[in-house]
Amino acid sequence: MSDAGSAYSRFQRALTTGNLTIIRAAAAELPAIRLDDALHVCVLLRDREPERYERAAVRWIGRYCVERAQATLDDVEHARAAFSIMRRDPERALEILQTLCRA
């Protein structure tokens, strides 16, 4: 199967739609979702399903701790603070979280 038809490619296209139903269906085809992609989903939840946003943020932080063995308490605090300010300063919050994803 070509990359255009791969499950990850379908998931990436679903993310661009912003439609959480399509995103969830595409994500179900994947064995795992990358941390940066999970961050994108968190942002969409903040905007479209705010009642699920906090739980998604907590799960993201948990995944960050598991997947980044070098994570420090300061890193975790930065992530928590970024998710807390996401609604009032989304650009700054994303900058912090994307930096953590790259680390």
PDB file of N, CA and C in Angstrom:
ATOM      1  N   MET A   1       0.852  -1.175   0.000  1.00  0.00           N
ATOM      2  CA  MET A   1       0.000   0.000   0.000  1.00  0.00           C
ATOM      3  C   MET A   1       0.894   1.232   0.000  1.00  0.00           C
ATOM      4  N   SER A   2       0.537   2.219  -0.795  1.00  0.00           N
ATOM      5  CA  SER A   2       1.323   3.451  -0.858  1.00  0.00           C
ATOM      6  C   SER A   2       1.162   4.239   0.425  1.00  0.00           C
ATOM      7  N   ASP A   3       2.120   5.165   0.640  1.00  0.00           N
ATOM      8  CA  ASP A   3       2.056   5.993   1.842  1.00  0.00           C
ATOM      9  C   ASP A   3       0.767   6.810   1.871  1.00  0.00           C
ATOM     10  N   ALA A   4       0.263   7.213   0.704  1.00  0.00           N
ATOM     11  CA  ALA A   4      -0.966   8.015   0.641  1.00  0.00           C
ATOM     12  C   ALA A   4      -2.144   7.258   1.241  1.00  0.00           C
ATOM     13  N   GLY A   5      -2.072   5.933   1.218  1.00  0.00           N
ATOM     14  CA  GLY A   5      -3.160   5.142   1.754  1.00  0.00           C
ATOM     15  C   GLY A   5      -2.862   4.535   3.105  1.00  0.00           C
ATOM     16  N   SER A   6      -1.720   4.868   3.674  1.00  0.00           N
ATOM     17  CA  SER A   6      -1.374   4.280   4.962  1.00  0.00           C
ATOM     18  C   SER A   6      -2.280   4.823   6.062  1.00  0.00           C
ATOM     19  N   ALA A   7      -2.383   4.056   7.127  1.00  0.00           N
ATOM     20  CA  ALA A   7      -3.229   4.469   8.251  1.00  0.00           C
ATOM     21  C   ALA A   7      -2.755   5.804   8.822  1.00  0.00           C
ATOM     22  N   TYR A   8      -1.431   5.989   8.905  1.00  0.00           N
ATOM     23  CA  TYR A   8      -0.925   7.248   9.455  1.00  0.00           C
ATOM     24  C   TYR A   8      -1.247   8.419   8.526  1.00  0.00           C
ATOM     25  N   SER A   9      -1.154   8.216   7.232  1.00  0.00           N
ATOM     26  CA  SER A   9      -1.509   9.282   6.285  1.00  0.00           C
ATOM     27  C   SER A   9      -2.983   9.648   6.401  1.00  0.00           C
ATOM     28  N   ARG A  10      -3.826   8.640   6.554  1.00  0.00           N
ATOM     29  CA  ARG A  10      -5.256   8.916   6.738  1.00  0.00           C
ATOM     30  C   ARG A  10      -5.485   9.696   8.025  1.00  0.00           C
ATOM     31  N   PHE A  11      -4.758   9.327   9.077  1.00  0.00           N
ATOM     32  CA  PHE A  11      -4.874  10.043  10.342  1.00  0.00           C
ATOM     33  C   PHE A  11      -4.432  11.498  10.175  1.00  0.00           C
ATOM     34  N   GLN A  12      -3.326  11.726   9.489  1.00  0.00           N
ATOM     35  CA  GLN A  12      -2.848  13.086   9.264  1.00  0.00           C
ATOM     36  C   GLN A  12      -3.880  13.911   8.488  1.00  0.00           C
ATOM     37  N   ARG A  13      -4.474  13.310   7.483  1.00  0.00           N
ATOM     38  CA  ARG A  13      -5.519  14.025   6.729  1.00  0.00           C
ATOM     39  C   ARG A  13      -6.723  14.301   7.625  1.00  0.00           C
ATOM     40  N   ALA A  14      -7.061  13.363   8.488  1.00  0.00           N
ATOM     41  CA  ALA A  14      -8.184  13.558   9.415  1.00  0.00           C
ATOM     42  C   ALA A  14      -7.895  14.734  10.344  1.00  0.00           C
ATOM     43  N   LEU A  15      -6.662  14.838  10.837  1.00  0.00           N
ATOM     44  CA  LEU A  15      -6.309  15.964  11.704  1.00  0.00           C
ATOM     45  C   LEU A  15      -6.557  17.294  11.012  1.00  0.00           C
ATOM     46  N   THR A  16      -6.282  17.365   9.720  1.00  0.00           N
ATOM     47  CA  THR A  16      -6.471  18.632   9.005  1.00  0.00           C
ATOM     48  C   THR A  16      -7.941  19.011   8.887  1.00  0.00           C
ATOM     49  N   THR A  17      -8.827  18.034   8.994  1.00  0.00           N
ATOM     50  CA  THR A  17     -10.259  18.357   8.916  1.00  0.00           C
ATOM     51  C   THR A  17     -10.761  18.990  10.207  1.00  0.00           C
ATOM     52  N   GLY A  18     -10.122  18.644  11.324  1.00  0.00           N
ATOM     53  CA  GLY A  18     -10.589  19.135  12.617  1.00  0.00           C
ATOM     54  C   GLY A  18     -11.836  18.429  13.107  1.00  0.00           C
ATOM     55  N   ASN A  19     -12.317  17.450  12.372  1.00  0.00           N
ATOM     56  CA  ASN A  19     -13.524  16.712  12.733  1.00  0.00           C
ATOM     57  C   ASN A  19     -13.127  15.567  13.664  1.00  0.00           C
ATOM     58  N   LEU A  20     -13.509  15.673  14.926  1.00  0.00           N
ATOM     59  CA  LEU A  20     -13.082  14.686  15.921  1.00  0.00           C
ATOM     60  C   LEU A  20     -13.622  13.288  15.646  1.00  0.00           C
ATOM     61  N   THR A  21     -14.778  13.168  15.044  1.00  0.00           N
ATOM     62  CA  THR A  21     -15.316  11.842  14.704  1.00  0.00           C
ATOM     63  C   THR A  21     -14.415  11.158  13.683  1.00  0.00           C
ATOM     64  N   ILE A  22     -14.009  11.886  12.660  1.00  0.00           N
ATOM     65  CA  ILE A  22     -13.119  11.336  11.634  1.00  0.00           C
ATOM     66  C   ILE A  22     -11.741  11.051  12.231  1.00  0.00           C
ATOM     67  N   ILE A  23     -11.278  11.942  13.080  1.00  0.00           N
ATOM     68  CA  ILE A  23      -9.971  11.754  13.719  1.00  0.00           C
ATOM     69  C   ILE A  23      -9.973  10.492  14.573  1.00  0.00           C
ATOM     70  N   ARG A  24     -11.013  10.304  15.349  1.00  0.00           N
ATOM     71  CA  ARG A  24     -11.095   9.109  16.202  1.00  0.00           C
ATOM     72  C   ARG A  24     -11.122   7.839  15.365  1.00  0.00           C
ATOM     73  N   ALA A  25     -11.857   7.849  14.270  1.00  0.00           N
ATOM     74  CA  ALA A  25     -11.928   6.673  13.406  1.00  0.00           C
ATOM     75  C   ALA A  25     -10.564   6.374  12.794  1.00  0.00           C
ATOM     76  N   ALA A  26      -9.873   7.404  12.340  1.00  0.00           N
ATOM     77  CA  ALA A  26      -8.543   7.200  11.756  1.00  0.00           C
ATOM     78  C   ALA A  26      -7.543   6.760  12.825  1.00  0.00           C
ATOM     79  N   ALA A  27      -7.641   7.308  14.019  1.00  0.00           N
ATOM     80  CA  ALA A  27      -6.727   6.952  15.105  1.00  0.00           C
ATOM     81  C   ALA A  27      -6.903   5.491  15.518  1.00  0.00           C
ATOM     82  N   ALA A  28      -8.116   4.992  15.408  1.00  0.00           N
ATOM     83  CA  ALA A  28      -8.388   3.606  15.794  1.00  0.00           C
ATOM     84  C   ALA A  28      -7.622   2.612  14.917  1.00  0.00           C
ATOM     85  N   GLU A  29      -7.199   3.038  13.742  1.00  0.00           N
ATOM     86  CA  GLU A  29      -6.437   2.173  12.838  1.00  0.00           C
ATOM     87  C   GLU A  29      -4.953   2.115  13.194  1.00  0.00           C
ATOM     88  N   LEU A  30      -4.513   2.993  14.064  1.00  0.00           N
ATOM     89  CA  LEU A  30      -3.088   3.088  14.377  1.00  0.00           C
ATOM     90  C   LEU A  30      -2.735   2.303  15.645  1.00  0.00           C
ATOM     91  N   PRO A  31      -1.541   1.744  15.690  1.00  0.00           N
ATOM     92  CA  PRO A  31      -1.118   1.069  16.922  1.00  0.00           C
ATOM     93  C   PRO A  31      -0.835   2.062  18.046  1.00  0.00           C
ATOM     94  N   ALA A  32      -0.418   3.273  17.677  1.00  0.00           N
ATOM     95  CA  ALA A  32      -0.134   4.329  18.659  1.00  0.00           C
ATOM     96  C   ALA A  32      -0.185   5.671  17.933  1.00  0.00           C
ATOM     97  N   ILE A  33      -0.393   6.709  18.708  1.00  0.00           N
ATOM     98  CA  ILE A  33      -0.416   8.070  18.168  1.00  0.00           C
ATOM     99  C   ILE A  33       0.789   8.799  18.730  1.00  0.00           C
ATOM    100  N   ARG A  34       1.519   9.475  17.863  1.00  0.00           N
ATOM    101  CA  ARG A  34       2.702  10.218  18.302  1.00  0.00           C
ATOM    102  C   ARG A  34       2.300  11.315  19.284  1.00  0.00           C
ATOM    103  N   LEU A  35       3.219  11.653  20.153  1.00  0.00           N
ATOM    104  CA  LEU A  35       2.968  12.648  21.189  1.00  0.00           C
ATOM    105  C   LEU A  35       2.577  14.001  20.590  1.00  0.00           C
ATOM    106  N   ASP A  36       3.245  14.413  19.522  1.00  0.00           N
ATOM    107  CA  ASP A  36       2.904  15.699  18.913  1.00  0.00           C
ATOM    108  C   ASP A  36       1.524  15.660  18.262  1.00  0.00           C
ATOM    109  N   ASP A  37       1.143  14.518  17.732  1.00  0.00           N
ATOM    110  CA  ASP A  37      -0.201  14.379  17.170  1.00  0.00           C
ATOM    111  C   ASP A  37      -1.252  14.397  18.284  1.00  0.00           C
ATOM    112  N   ALA A  38      -0.937  13.761  19.404  1.00  0.00           N
ATOM    113  CA  ALA A  38      -1.849  13.777  20.551  1.00  0.00           C
ATOM    114  C   ALA A  38      -2.042  15.206  21.059  1.00  0.00           C
ATOM    115  N   LEU A  39      -1.004  16.009  20.978  1.00  0.00           N
ATOM    116  CA  LEU A  39      -1.116  17.418  21.362  1.00  0.00           C
ATOM    117  C   LEU A  39      -2.096  18.130  20.440  1.00  0.00           C
ATOM    118  N   HIS A  40      -2.020  17.854  19.152  1.00  0.00           N
ATOM    119  CA  HIS A  40      -2.957  18.437  18.191  1.00  0.00           C
ATOM    120  C   HIS A  40      -4.398  18.067  18.551  1.00  0.00           C
ATOM    121  N   VAL A  41      -4.610  16.828  18.930  1.00  0.00           N
ATOM    122  CA  VAL A  41      -5.948  16.386  19.333  1.00  0.00           C
ATOM    123  C   VAL A  41      -6.402  17.137  20.589  1.00  0.00           C
ATOM    124  N   CYS A  42      -5.501  17.336  21.524  1.00  0.00           N
ATOM    125  CA  CYS A  42      -5.843  18.097  22.743  1.00  0.00           C
ATOM    126  C   CYS A  42      -6.324  19.497  22.395  1.00  0.00           C
ATOM    127  N   VAL A  43      -5.643  20.133  21.464  1.00  0.00           N
ATOM    128  CA  VAL A  43      -6.042  21.489  21.055  1.00  0.00           C
ATOM    129  C   VAL A  43      -7.434  21.464  20.441  1.00  0.00           C
ATOM    130  N   LEU A  44      -7.704  20.476  19.612  1.00  0.00           N
ATOM    131  CA  LEU A  44      -9.036  20.368  19.015  1.00  0.00           C
ATOM    132  C   LEU A  44     -10.094  20.119  20.083  1.00  0.00           C
ATOM    133  N   LEU A  45      -9.781  19.300  21.064  1.00  0.00           N
ATOM    134  CA  LEU A  45     -10.731  19.058  22.152  1.00  0.00           C
ATOM    135  C   LEU A  45     -10.996  20.342  22.929  1.00  0.00           C
ATOM    136  N   ARG A  46      -9.967  21.118  23.165  1.00  0.00           N
ATOM    137  CA  ARG A  46     -10.147  22.397  23.872  1.00  0.00           C
ATOM    138  C   ARG A  46     -11.194  23.249  23.168  1.00  0.00           C
ATOM    139  N   ASP A  47     -11.158  23.253  21.849  1.00  0.00           N
ATOM    140  CA  ASP A  47     -12.057  24.092  21.068  1.00  0.00           C
ATOM    141  C   ASP A  47     -13.430  23.476  20.819  1.00  0.00           C
ATOM    142  N   ARG A  48     -13.471  22.152  20.633  1.00  0.00           N
ATOM    143  CA  ARG A  48     -14.715  21.523  20.170  1.00  0.00           C
ATOM    144  C   ARG A  48     -15.430  20.673  21.214  1.00  0.00           C
ATOM    145  N   GLU A  49     -14.690  20.158  22.168  1.00  0.00           N
ATOM    146  CA  GLU A  49     -15.280  19.354  23.240  1.00  0.00           C
ATOM    147  C   GLU A  49     -14.604  19.741  24.556  1.00  0.00           C
ATOM    148  N   PRO A  50     -14.828  20.970  25.001  1.00  0.00           N
ATOM    149  CA  PRO A  50     -14.097  21.473  26.171  1.00  0.00           C
ATOM    150  C   PRO A  50     -14.288  20.632  27.429  1.00  0.00           C
ATOM    151  N   GLU A  51     -15.386  19.911  27.522  1.00  0.00           N
ATOM    152  CA  GLU A  51     -15.606  19.065  28.692  1.00  0.00           C
ATOM    153  C   GLU A  51     -14.626  17.892  28.738  1.00  0.00           C
ATOM    154  N   ARG A  52     -13.976  17.581  27.638  1.00  0.00           N
ATOM    155  CA  ARG A  52     -13.000  16.485  27.574  1.00  0.00           C
ATOM    156  C   ARG A  52     -11.551  16.984  27.573  1.00  0.00           C
ATOM    157  N   TYR A  53     -11.379  18.282  27.495  1.00  0.00           N
ATOM    158  CA  TYR A  53     -10.040  18.860  27.357  1.00  0.00           C
ATOM    159  C   TYR A  53      -9.124  18.532  28.540  1.00  0.00           C
ATOM    160  N   GLU A  54      -9.582  18.761  29.760  1.00  0.00           N
ATOM    161  CA  GLU A  54      -8.699  18.568  30.913  1.00  0.00           C
ATOM    162  C   GLU A  54      -8.231  17.122  31.015  1.00  0.00           C
ATOM    163  N   ARG A  55      -9.122  16.186  30.817  1.00  0.00           N
ATOM    164  CA  ARG A  55      -8.745  14.765  30.892  1.00  0.00           C
ATOM    165  C   ARG A  55      -7.723  14.431  29.813  1.00  0.00           C
ATOM    166  N   ALA A  56      -7.918  14.975  28.611  1.00  0.00           N
ATOM    167  CA  ALA A  56      -6.956  14.742  27.523  1.00  0.00           C
ATOM    168  C   ALA A  56      -5.593  15.333  27.876  1.00  0.00           C
ATOM    169  N   ALA A  57      -5.591  16.504  28.488  1.00  0.00           N
ATOM    170  CA  ALA A  57      -4.334  17.142  28.892  1.00  0.00           C
ATOM    171  C   ALA A  57      -3.610  16.288  29.934  1.00  0.00           C
ATOM    172  N   VAL A  58      -4.344  15.770  30.886  1.00  0.00           N
ATOM    173  CA  VAL A  58      -3.742  14.919  31.917  1.00  0.00           C
ATOM    174  C   VAL A  58      -3.150  13.658  31.280  1.00  0.00           C
ATOM    175  N   ARG A  59      -3.878  13.052  30.352  1.00  0.00           N
ATOM    176  CA  ARG A  59      -3.360  11.862  29.656  1.00  0.00           C
ATOM    177  C   ARG A  59      -2.100  12.204  28.871  1.00  0.00           C
ATOM    178  N   TRP A  60      -2.092  13.379  28.217  1.00  0.00           N
ATOM    179  CA  TRP A  60      -0.926  13.792  27.444  1.00  0.00           C
ATOM    180  C   TRP A  60       0.286  13.929  28.367  1.00  0.00           C
ATOM    181  N   ILE A  61       0.113  14.562  29.506  1.00  0.00           N
ATOM    182  CA  ILE A  61       1.217  14.729  30.445  1.00  0.00           C
ATOM    183  C   ILE A  61       1.720  13.364  30.930  1.00  0.00           C
ATOM    184  N   GLY A  62       0.798  12.448  31.197  1.00  0.00           N
ATOM    185  CA  GLY A  62       1.187  11.102  31.591  1.00  0.00           C
ATOM    186  C   GLY A  62       2.002  10.410  30.515  1.00  0.00           C
ATOM    187  N   ARG A  63       1.555  10.520  29.282  1.00  0.00           N
ATOM    188  CA  ARG A  63       2.306   9.933  28.166  1.00  0.00           C
ATOM    189  C   ARG A  63       3.676  10.576  28.042  1.00  0.00           C
ATOM    190  N   TYR A  64       3.720  11.885  28.200  1.00  0.00           N
ATOM    191  CA  TYR A  64       4.996  12.596  28.119  1.00  0.00           C
ATOM    192  C   TYR A  64       5.974  12.012  29.143  1.00  0.00           C
ATOM    193  N   CYS A  65       5.517  11.799  30.358  1.00  0.00           N
ATOM    194  CA  CYS A  65       6.374  11.255  31.415  1.00  0.00           C
ATOM    195  C   CYS A  65       6.880   9.857  31.072  1.00  0.00           C
ATOM    196  N   VAL A  66       6.026   9.045  30.484  1.00  0.00           N
ATOM    197  CA  VAL A  66       6.407   7.678  30.140  1.00  0.00           C
ATOM    198  C   VAL A  66       7.337   7.654  28.927  1.00  0.00           C
ATOM    199  N   GLU A  67       7.044   8.458  27.920  1.00  0.00           N
ATOM    200  CA  GLU A  67       7.792   8.406  26.670  1.00  0.00           C
ATOM    201  C   GLU A  67       9.096   9.185  26.692  1.00  0.00           C
ATOM    202  N   ARG A  68       9.229  10.113  27.587  1.00  0.00           N
ATOM    203  CA  ARG A  68      10.449  10.923  27.673  1.00  0.00           C
ATOM    204  C   ARG A  68      11.156  10.593  28.984  1.00  0.00           C
ATOM    205  N   ALA A  69      12.006   9.591  28.926  1.00  0.00           N
ATOM    206  CA  ALA A  69      12.697   9.125  30.136  1.00  0.00           C
ATOM    207  C   ALA A  69      13.513  10.229  30.799  1.00  0.00           C
ATOM    208  N   GLN A  70      13.938  11.205  30.020  1.00  0.00           N
ATOM    209  CA  GLN A  70      14.740  12.291  30.563  1.00  0.00           C
ATOM    210  C   GLN A  70      13.886  13.421  31.145  1.00  0.00           C
ATOM    211  N   ALA A  71      12.578  13.283  31.138  1.00  0.00           N
ATOM    212  CA  ALA A  71      11.692  14.341  31.647  1.00  0.00           C
ATOM    213  C   ALA A  71      11.991  14.625  33.117  1.00  0.00           C
ATOM    214  N   THR A  72      11.997  15.903  33.429  1.00  0.00           N
ATOM    215  CA  THR A  72      12.243  16.340  34.810  1.00  0.00           C
ATOM    216  C   THR A  72      10.940  16.856  35.416  1.00  0.00           C
ATOM    217  N   LEU A  73      10.968  17.085  36.706  1.00  0.00           N
ATOM    218  CA  LEU A  73       9.803  17.689  37.358  1.00  0.00           C
ATOM    219  C   LEU A  73       9.528  19.072  36.770  1.00  0.00           C
ATOM    220  N   ASP A  74      10.569  19.811  36.437  1.00  0.00           N
ATOM    221  CA  ASP A  74      10.378  21.121  35.807  1.00  0.00           C
ATOM    222  C   ASP A  74       9.670  20.986  34.459  1.00  0.00           C
ATOM    223  N   ASP A  75      10.042  19.975  33.667  1.00  0.00           N
ATOM    224  CA  ASP A  75       9.376  19.743  32.383  1.00  0.00           C
ATOM    225  C   ASP A  75       7.896  19.456  32.591  1.00  0.00           C
ATOM    226  N   VAL A  76       7.596  18.614  33.557  1.00  0.00           N
ATOM    227  CA  VAL A  76       6.205  18.257  33.838  1.00  0.00           C
ATOM    228  C   VAL A  76       5.434  19.485  34.306  1.00  0.00           C
ATOM    229  N   GLU A  77       6.058  20.308  35.134  1.00  0.00           N
ATOM    230  CA  GLU A  77       5.412  21.540  35.591  1.00  0.00           C
ATOM    231  C   GLU A  77       5.180  22.502  34.426  1.00  0.00           C
ATOM    232  N   HIS A  78       6.129  22.581  33.503  1.00  0.00           N
ATOM    233  CA  HIS A  78       5.941  23.433  32.324  1.00  0.00           C
ATOM    234  C   HIS A  78       4.749  22.939  31.492  1.00  0.00           C
ATOM    235  N   ALA A  79       4.657  21.631  31.326  1.00  0.00           N
ATOM    236  CA  ALA A  79       3.538  21.067  30.567  1.00  0.00           C
ATOM    237  C   ALA A  79       2.214  21.363  31.262  1.00  0.00           C
ATOM    238  N   ARG A  80       2.171  21.155  32.566  1.00  0.00           N
ATOM    239  CA  ARG A  80       0.937  21.424  33.311  1.00  0.00           C
ATOM    240  C   ARG A  80       0.543  22.890  33.200  1.00  0.00           C
ATOM    241  N   ALA A  81       1.510  23.770  33.364  1.00  0.00           N
ATOM    242  CA  ALA A  81       1.225  25.204  33.275  1.00  0.00           C
ATOM    243  C   ALA A  81       0.760  25.582  31.868  1.00  0.00           C
ATOM    244  N   ALA A  82       1.379  24.993  30.860  1.00  0.00           N
ATOM    245  CA  ALA A  82       0.990  25.305  29.481  1.00  0.00           C
ATOM    246  C   ALA A  82      -0.454  24.880  29.212  1.00  0.00           C
ATOM    247  N   PHE A  83      -0.820  23.691  29.649  1.00  0.00           N
ATOM    248  CA  PHE A  83      -2.205  23.262  29.451  1.00  0.00           C
ATOM    249  C   PHE A  83      -3.166  24.153  30.238  1.00  0.00           C
ATOM    250  N   SER A  84      -2.736  24.619  31.386  1.00  0.00           N
ATOM    251  CA  SER A  84      -3.593  25.507  32.185  1.00  0.00           C
ATOM    252  C   SER A  84      -3.835  26.849  31.509  1.00  0.00           C
ATOM    253  N   ILE A  85      -2.841  27.367  30.803  1.00  0.00           N
ATOM    254  CA  ILE A  85      -3.005  28.674  30.148  1.00  0.00           C
ATOM    255  C   ILE A  85      -3.484  28.561  28.701  1.00  0.00           C
ATOM    256  N   MET A  86      -3.705  27.341  28.237  1.00  0.00           N
ATOM    257  CA  MET A  86      -4.063  27.109  26.834  1.00  0.00           C
ATOM    258  C   MET A  86      -5.260  27.949  26.383  1.00  0.00           C
ATOM    259  N   ARG A  87      -6.256  28.120  27.219  1.00  0.00           N
ATOM    260  CA  ARG A  87      -7.460  28.842  26.800  1.00  0.00           C
ATOM    261  C   ARG A  87      -7.218  30.345  26.658  1.00  0.00           C
ATOM    262  N   ARG A  88      -6.366  30.908  27.502  1.00  0.00           N
ATOM    263  CA  ARG A  88      -6.181  32.361  27.443  1.00  0.00           C
ATOM    264  C   ARG A  88      -4.957  32.789  26.644  1.00  0.00           C
ATOM    265  N   ASP A  89      -3.971  31.897  26.475  1.00  0.00           N
ATOM    266  CA  ASP A  89      -2.768  32.230  25.719  1.00  0.00           C
ATOM    267  C   ASP A  89      -2.327  31.004  24.914  1.00  0.00           C
ATOM    268  N   PRO A  90      -3.140  30.624  23.910  1.00  0.00           N
ATOM    269  CA  PRO A  90      -2.865  29.378  23.191  1.00  0.00           C
ATOM    270  C   PRO A  90      -1.523  29.367  22.465  1.00  0.00           C
ATOM    271  N   GLU A  91      -1.096  30.497  21.933  1.00  0.00           N
ATOM    272  CA  GLU A  91       0.172  30.511  21.201  1.00  0.00           C
ATOM    273  C   GLU A  91       1.339  30.197  22.130  1.00  0.00           C
ATOM    274  N   ARG A  92       1.368  30.816  23.283  1.00  0.00           N
ATOM    275  CA  ARG A  92       2.444  30.567  24.249  1.00  0.00           C
ATOM    276  C   ARG A  92       2.381  29.123  24.750  1.00  0.00           C
ATOM    277  N   ALA A  93       1.187  28.645  25.035  1.00  0.00           N
ATOM    278  CA  ALA A  93       1.030  27.271  25.515  1.00  0.00           C
ATOM    279  C   ALA A  93       1.546  26.272  24.479  1.00  0.00           C
ATOM    280  N   LEU A  94       1.162  26.461  23.230  1.00  0.00           N
ATOM    281  CA  LEU A  94       1.620  25.540  22.182  1.00  0.00           C
ATOM    282  C   LEU A  94       3.122  25.606  22.003  1.00  0.00           C
ATOM    283  N   GLU A  95       3.684  26.780  22.104  1.00  0.00           N
ATOM    284  CA  GLU A  95       5.137  26.919  21.985  1.00  0.00           C
ATOM    285  C   GLU A  95       5.845  26.072  23.043  1.00  0.00           C
ATOM    286  N   ILE A  96       5.371  26.159  24.266  1.00  0.00           N
ATOM    287  CA  ILE A  96       5.961  25.381  25.366  1.00  0.00           C
ATOM    288  C   ILE A  96       5.805  23.886  25.103  1.00  0.00           C
ATOM    289  N   LEU A  97       4.601  23.460  24.763  1.00  0.00           N
ATOM    290  CA  LEU A  97       4.322  22.034  24.589  1.00  0.00           C
ATOM    291  C   LEU A  97       5.038  21.463  23.363  1.00  0.00           C
ATOM    292  N   GLN A  98       5.107  22.215  22.288  1.00  0.00           N
ATOM    293  CA  GLN A  98       5.825  21.737  21.101  1.00  0.00           C
ATOM    294  C   GLN A  98       7.311  21.621  21.392  1.00  0.00           C
ATOM    295  N   THR A  99       7.843  22.521  22.191  1.00  0.00           N
ATOM    296  CA  THR A  99       9.255  22.413  22.590  1.00  0.00           C
ATOM    297  C   THR A  99       9.472  21.143  23.389  1.00  0.00           C
ATOM    298  N   LEU A 100       8.559  20.820  24.286  1.00  0.00           N
ATOM    299  CA  LEU A 100       8.682  19.586  25.063  1.00  0.00           C
ATOM    300  C   LEU A 100       8.600  18.368  24.161  1.00  0.00           C
ATOM    301  N   CYS A 101       7.747  18.413  23.123  1.00  0.00           N
ATOM    302  CA  CYS A 101       7.626  17.285  22.196  1.00  0.00           C
ATOM    303  C   CYS A 101       8.940  17.040  21.459  1.00  0.00           C
ATOM    304  N   ARG A 102       9.635  18.114  21.136  1.00  0.00           N
ATOM    305  CA  ARG A 102      10.892  17.980  20.377  1.00  0.00           C
ATOM    306  C   ARG A 102      12.062  17.536  21.252  1.00  0.00           C
ATOM    307  N   ALA A 103      11.926  17.704  22.534  1.00  0.00           N
ATOM    308  CA  ALA A 103      13.057  17.403  23.439  1.00  0.00           C
ATOM    309  C   ALA A 103      13.345  15.923  23.512  1.00  0.00           C
TER     310      ALA A 103
END
